[in-house]
């Protein structure tokens, strides 16, 4: 307790039976979710039970931008670089998001490589059995095709190796905070300094005339 506050004296034992939250339906919910997953897998066979392939994106905000998660869909630029038309992509289990933009070269190349790897594993069934068209898989591949039950190309977070080294004398002598303050001041005063320089140049021209 701090300060001169009221002493807590709350009565939480009155009619406690009305405030108890039970969880007796949890086992049946687990069974119901599992049954729904099995029914969905049987409904979409031979397609992957996990659904469409989605890109790997960075989480927003400074707090979470080092984490990766699955995005809504691949951009049109990523599909073009991977050699997959946008109309074909949705028919072969690739999610497309025309609104997302590529902000970094690393993320762009990562998703293009993800698409190419998916294309190398892809088995396309013909619409009509016995009448394959261009782009459909061979009969030998169709015979050995099985449905993927787990996660479709899950994210693999590889720990980045950090190399330790000694701090140099130049780094010890540098004043990082002061340098940051100077750079912020330069950005803040850029317009005023530019205006003052133009006025000084105009004044010099008037003197020379």
Protein backbone atom coordinates (compact mmCIF):
# COMPACT_ATOMS: atom_id res chain seq x y z
CA UNK A 1 0.00 0.00 0.00
CA UNK A 2 1.18 3.48 -0.88
CA UNK A 3 -0.26 6.85 0.03
CA UNK A 4 -3.32 7.63 2.10
CA UNK A 5 -5.83 5.60 0.10
CA UNK A 6 -8.88 3.63 1.12
CA UNK A 7 -8.14 0.21 2.56
CA UNK A 8 -9.35 -2.41 0.04
CA UNK A 9 -12.21 -4.40 1.49
CA UNK A 10 -13.99 -5.91 -1.50
CA UNK A 11 -16.48 -8.71 -0.90
CA UNK A 12 -16.03 -11.22 -3.71
CA UNK A 13 -17.43 -14.25 -1.87
CA UNK A 14 -21.06 -13.24 -2.27
CA UNK A 15 -22.89 -15.54 -4.72
CA UNK A 16 -19.62 -16.94 -6.01
CA UNK A 17 -21.49 -19.70 -7.84
CA UNK A 18 -22.77 -17.12 -10.36
CA UNK A 19 -19.22 -15.96 -11.17
CA UNK A 20 -17.65 -19.38 -11.80
CA UNK A 21 -16.71 -19.95 -15.45
CA UNK A 22 -16.55 -23.61 -16.43
CA UNK A 23 -14.79 -25.22 -19.39
CA UNK A 24 -16.56 -28.57 -19.61
CA UNK A 25 -17.22 -28.21 -23.36
CA UNK A 26 -13.50 -28.01 -24.21
CA UNK A 27 -12.99 -31.73 -25.03
CA UNK A 28 -16.00 -31.78 -27.35
CA UNK A 29 -14.86 -28.60 -29.06
CA UNK A 30 -11.50 -30.25 -29.70
CA UNK A 31 -13.24 -33.24 -31.25
CA UNK A 32 -15.52 -31.01 -33.32
CA UNK A 33 -12.58 -29.01 -34.70
CA UNK A 34 -10.75 -32.20 -35.61
CA UNK A 35 -13.80 -33.59 -37.39
CA UNK A 36 -14.19 -30.31 -39.31
CA UNK A 37 -10.55 -30.49 -40.42
CA UNK A 38 -11.03 -34.06 -41.65
CA UNK A 39 -14.20 -33.15 -43.56
CA UNK A 40 -12.48 -30.17 -45.17
CA UNK A 41 -9.48 -32.32 -46.18
CA UNK A 42 -11.81 -34.86 -47.77
CA UNK A 43 -13.75 -32.10 -49.55
CA UNK A 44 -10.69 -30.45 -51.16
CA UNK A 45 -8.75 -33.64 -52.01
CA UNK A 46 -6.26 -33.85 -53.78
CA UNK A 47 -5.49 -30.20 -52.97
CA UNK A 48 -3.51 -29.41 -49.79
CA UNK A 49 -5.68 -29.44 -46.69
CA UNK A 50 -4.03 -26.26 -45.39
CA UNK A 51 -5.45 -24.13 -48.20
CA UNK A 52 -3.74 -21.74 -50.60
CA UNK A 53 -0.06 -20.88 -50.60
CA UNK A 54 0.59 -17.53 -48.90
CA UNK A 55 3.66 -15.23 -48.86
CA UNK A 56 6.02 -14.59 -45.97
CA UNK A 57 5.80 -10.98 -44.75
CA UNK A 58 7.25 -8.94 -41.90
CA UNK A 59 4.96 -7.91 -39.05
CA UNK A 60 4.19 -4.17 -38.83
CA UNK A 61 5.39 -1.65 -36.21
CA UNK A 62 8.86 -1.31 -34.70
CA UNK A 63 7.99 -3.70 -31.89
CA UNK A 64 7.25 -6.70 -34.11
CA UNK A 65 8.95 -5.97 -37.45
CA UNK A 66 11.65 -8.58 -36.80
CA UNK A 67 9.02 -11.36 -36.80
CA UNK A 68 7.68 -13.08 -39.89
CA UNK A 69 4.17 -14.31 -40.58
CA UNK A 70 2.04 -15.42 -43.51
CA UNK A 71 0.47 -12.63 -45.57
CA UNK A 72 -2.80 -12.45 -47.47
CA UNK A 73 -1.46 -13.07 -50.96
CA UNK A 74 1.42 -12.62 -53.41
CA UNK A 75 1.85 -9.33 -55.25
CA UNK A 76 1.50 -9.03 -59.00
CA UNK A 77 5.22 -8.22 -59.28
CA UNK A 78 6.18 -11.41 -57.42
CA UNK A 79 3.95 -13.51 -59.67
CA UNK A 80 5.42 -11.88 -62.78
CA UNK A 81 9.00 -12.49 -61.63
CA UNK A 82 8.19 -16.15 -60.86
CA UNK A 83 6.63 -16.62 -64.29
CA UNK A 84 3.09 -17.33 -63.09
CA UNK A 85 0.10 -15.45 -64.61
CA UNK A 86 -2.22 -13.93 -62.02
CA UNK A 87 -5.29 -15.68 -63.43
CA UNK A 88 -3.53 -19.04 -63.38
CA UNK A 89 -2.23 -18.53 -59.83
CA UNK A 90 -5.65 -18.71 -58.17
CA UNK A 91 -6.52 -21.89 -60.07
CA UNK A 92 -3.42 -23.75 -58.79
CA UNK A 93 -3.74 -22.83 -55.13
CA UNK A 94 -1.76 -19.56 -54.91
CA UNK A 95 -3.28 -16.60 -53.05
CA UNK A 96 -3.07 -13.23 -54.84
CA UNK A 97 -3.27 -9.77 -53.26
CA UNK A 98 -3.21 -6.92 -55.78
CA UNK A 99 -3.07 -4.27 -53.01
CA UNK A 100 0.15 -5.32 -51.27
CA UNK A 101 3.37 -3.58 -52.30
CA UNK A 102 6.96 -4.81 -52.13
CA UNK A 103 8.96 -2.56 -49.79
CA UNK A 104 12.26 -4.47 -49.75
CA UNK A 105 14.34 -6.46 -52.22
CA UNK A 106 14.94 -9.23 -49.65
CA UNK A 107 11.23 -9.85 -49.08
CA UNK A 108 10.55 -9.72 -52.83
CA UNK A 109 13.23 -12.29 -53.64
CA UNK A 110 12.17 -14.50 -50.74
CA UNK A 111 8.58 -14.75 -52.00
CA UNK A 112 9.68 -15.25 -55.61
CA UNK A 113 11.84 -18.16 -54.48
CA UNK A 114 8.86 -19.49 -52.49
CA UNK A 115 6.71 -19.43 -55.62
CA UNK A 116 9.35 -21.17 -57.72
CA UNK A 117 9.75 -23.91 -55.13
CA UNK A 118 5.97 -24.38 -55.04
CA UNK A 119 5.88 -24.62 -58.85
CA UNK A 120 8.57 -27.32 -58.81
CA UNK A 121 6.49 -29.42 -56.41
CA UNK A 122 3.12 -28.71 -58.06
CA UNK A 123 1.10 -31.51 -59.63
CA UNK A 124 -1.73 -30.24 -61.86
CA UNK A 125 -4.62 -32.62 -62.51
CA UNK A 126 -6.48 -32.36 -65.85
CA UNK A 127 -10.05 -31.09 -65.78
CA UNK A 128 -11.18 -34.17 -67.67
CA UNK A 129 -9.60 -37.50 -66.85
CA UNK A 130 -7.78 -38.94 -69.83
CA UNK A 131 -7.74 -35.63 -71.73
CA UNK A 132 -4.71 -33.71 -70.45
CA UNK A 133 -3.89 -30.25 -71.77
CA UNK A 134 -0.72 -28.19 -71.89
CA UNK A 135 0.56 -27.56 -68.39
CA UNK A 136 -0.98 -30.66 -66.81
CA UNK A 137 1.23 -33.19 -65.08
CA UNK A 138 2.20 -36.61 -66.46
CA UNK A 139 0.22 -39.75 -65.70
CA UNK A 140 3.11 -41.13 -63.62
CA UNK A 141 3.06 -38.05 -61.36
CA UNK A 142 -0.72 -38.22 -61.02
CA UNK A 143 -0.52 -41.85 -59.91
CA UNK A 144 1.88 -41.05 -57.07
CA UNK A 145 0.17 -37.83 -55.94
CA UNK A 146 -0.96 -37.68 -52.30
CA UNK A 147 -2.73 -34.95 -50.34
CA UNK A 148 -0.62 -32.79 -48.05
CA UNK A 149 -2.22 -32.90 -44.59
CA UNK A 150 0.14 -30.66 -42.60
CA UNK A 151 1.24 -27.05 -43.03
CA UNK A 152 1.91 -25.95 -46.59
CA UNK A 153 5.54 -24.77 -46.78
CA UNK A 154 5.76 -23.50 -43.17
CA UNK A 155 7.99 -20.60 -42.15
CA UNK A 156 11.42 -21.75 -41.00
CA UNK A 157 13.06 -19.21 -38.71
CA UNK A 158 16.81 -19.71 -38.91
CA UNK A 159 18.75 -18.05 -36.08
CA UNK A 160 21.12 -15.43 -37.44
CA UNK A 161 24.72 -15.93 -36.38
CA UNK A 162 26.17 -12.82 -34.74
CA UNK A 163 29.93 -12.50 -34.91
CA UNK A 164 31.54 -11.01 -31.82
CA UNK A 165 34.42 -8.59 -32.22
CA UNK A 166 36.34 -6.06 -30.17
CA UNK A 167 35.24 -2.42 -30.08
CA UNK A 168 37.67 -0.19 -31.97
CA UNK A 169 39.19 3.01 -30.61
CA UNK A 170 37.35 5.03 -33.24
CA UNK A 171 34.02 3.63 -32.04
CA UNK A 172 34.92 4.40 -28.44
CA UNK A 173 35.74 8.03 -29.27
CA UNK A 174 32.63 8.59 -31.41
CA UNK A 175 29.68 10.41 -29.85
CA UNK A 176 26.67 8.70 -31.37
CA UNK A 177 23.99 10.68 -29.54
CA UNK A 178 25.55 14.02 -30.48
CA UNK A 179 25.81 12.91 -34.10
CA UNK A 180 22.13 11.94 -34.13
CA UNK A 181 21.18 15.33 -32.68
CA UNK A 182 23.23 17.12 -35.33
CA UNK A 183 21.64 15.12 -38.16
CA UNK A 184 18.15 15.79 -36.79
CA UNK A 185 18.94 19.49 -36.59
CA UNK A 186 20.22 19.45 -40.19
CA UNK A 187 16.96 17.92 -41.40
CA UNK A 188 14.87 20.33 -39.35
CA UNK A 189 16.75 23.44 -40.50
CA UNK A 190 17.27 22.45 -44.12
CA UNK A 191 14.50 24.65 -45.48
CA UNK A 192 15.46 27.74 -43.46
CA UNK A 193 19.14 27.39 -44.42
CA UNK A 194 18.25 26.98 -48.08
CA UNK A 195 16.05 30.08 -47.98
CA UNK A 196 18.78 32.11 -46.24
CA UNK A 197 21.34 31.02 -48.83
CA UNK A 198 19.03 32.04 -51.69
CA UNK A 199 18.41 35.44 -50.09
CA UNK A 200 22.14 35.96 -49.58
CA UNK A 201 22.81 35.06 -53.21
CA UNK A 202 20.08 37.46 -54.35
CA UNK A 203 21.58 40.24 -52.19
CA UNK A 204 25.04 39.65 -53.73
CA UNK A 205 23.52 39.92 -57.22
CA UNK A 206 21.93 43.24 -56.29
CA UNK A 207 25.30 44.58 -55.08
CA UNK A 208 27.10 43.59 -58.27
CA UNK A 209 24.53 45.36 -60.48
